[in-house]
């Protein structure tokens, strides 16, 4: 699908917003990584396998990881549109 030239600046701006939002969420994930001494990837595997319990903070961490992935995915889709 061809993207009209008039919307390219808006798509680029949205791509930058996606990256900034993703970085913010990843920074918040680093706080949890330090607190629990594990990477977010390891956390997701263990959390999803039911190995870590149901502490409220763990659900917040899981939501942050999911949100960062959604922003990454949206940014990638925008990049595809701009290519």
Protein backbone atom coordinates (compact mmCIF):
# COMPACT_ATOMS: atom_id res chain seq x y z
CA UNK A 1 0.00 0.00 0.00
CA UNK A 2 1.39 3.36 -1.01
CA UNK A 3 1.41 5.94 1.75
CA UNK A 4 0.51 9.47 0.65
CA UNK A 5 3.51 11.77 0.97
CA UNK A 6 1.45 14.18 3.08
CA UNK A 7 1.16 11.68 5.93
CA UNK A 8 4.83 10.63 6.04
CA UNK A 9 5.82 13.26 8.62
CA UNK A 10 2.95 12.17 10.88
CA UNK A 11 3.94 8.53 10.58
CA UNK A 12 7.56 9.37 11.40
CA UNK A 13 6.41 11.36 14.43
CA UNK A 14 4.26 8.46 15.58
CA UNK A 15 7.23 6.15 15.17
CA UNK A 16 9.28 8.40 17.45
CA UNK A 17 6.46 8.41 19.99
CA UNK A 18 6.35 4.60 19.90
CA UNK A 19 10.09 4.42 20.57
CA UNK A 20 9.92 6.91 23.45
CA UNK A 21 7.00 5.07 25.05
CA UNK A 22 8.79 1.72 24.66
CA UNK A 23 11.97 3.10 26.23
CA UNK A 24 10.00 4.51 29.18
CA UNK A 25 8.39 1.14 29.86
CA UNK A 26 11.71 -0.69 29.51
CA UNK A 27 13.28 1.72 31.98
CA UNK A 28 10.53 0.91 34.45
CA UNK A 29 11.18 -2.79 33.79
CA UNK A 30 14.84 -2.28 34.77
CA UNK A 31 13.71 -1.32 38.26
CA UNK A 32 11.99 -4.69 38.60
CA UNK A 33 14.96 -6.49 37.03
CA UNK A 34 17.25 -5.04 39.70
CA UNK A 35 14.77 -5.73 42.49
CA UNK A 36 14.24 -9.38 41.52
CA UNK A 37 17.71 -10.05 40.01
CA UNK A 38 16.48 -11.38 36.69
CA UNK A 39 15.94 -10.15 33.17
CA UNK A 40 12.47 -9.32 31.94
CA UNK A 41 12.69 -12.23 29.47
CA UNK A 42 13.47 -14.69 32.26
CA UNK A 43 10.73 -13.14 34.38
CA UNK A 44 8.09 -13.55 31.67
CA UNK A 45 8.99 -17.22 31.15
CA UNK A 46 8.84 -17.93 34.89
CA UNK A 47 5.78 -15.78 35.55
CA UNK A 48 3.82 -17.29 32.68
CA UNK A 49 4.79 -20.76 33.91
CA UNK A 50 3.32 -19.92 37.33
CA UNK A 51 6.64 -20.13 39.16
CA UNK A 52 6.64 -16.71 40.81
CA UNK A 53 3.39 -16.35 42.69
CA UNK A 54 0.88 -13.53 42.50
CA UNK A 55 2.54 -10.50 44.08
CA UNK A 56 0.91 -7.32 42.73
CA UNK A 57 4.28 -5.97 41.62
CA UNK A 58 4.80 -8.98 39.40
CA UNK A 59 1.56 -8.26 37.55
CA UNK A 60 2.70 -4.67 37.07
CA UNK A 61 6.05 -5.88 35.69
CA UNK A 62 4.25 -8.27 33.32
CA UNK A 63 2.04 -5.43 32.09
CA UNK A 64 5.08 -3.22 31.50
CA UNK A 65 6.77 -5.93 29.45
CA UNK A 66 3.62 -6.48 27.41
CA UNK A 67 3.18 -2.76 26.87
CA UNK A 68 6.78 -2.38 25.69
CA UNK A 69 6.26 -5.23 23.23
CA UNK A 70 3.08 -3.64 21.90
CA UNK A 71 4.87 -0.31 21.36
CA UNK A 72 7.74 -2.16 19.64
CA UNK A 73 5.29 -3.97 17.37
CA UNK A 74 3.43 -0.79 16.47
CA UNK A 75 6.70 1.01 15.74
CA UNK A 76 7.80 -1.86 13.51
CA UNK A 77 4.53 -1.70 11.62
CA UNK A 78 4.98 2.03 11.10
CA UNK A 79 8.51 1.42 9.82
CA UNK A 80 7.12 -1.08 7.33
CA UNK A 81 4.68 1.53 6.10
CA UNK A 82 7.50 4.04 5.67
CA UNK A 83 9.78 1.65 3.79
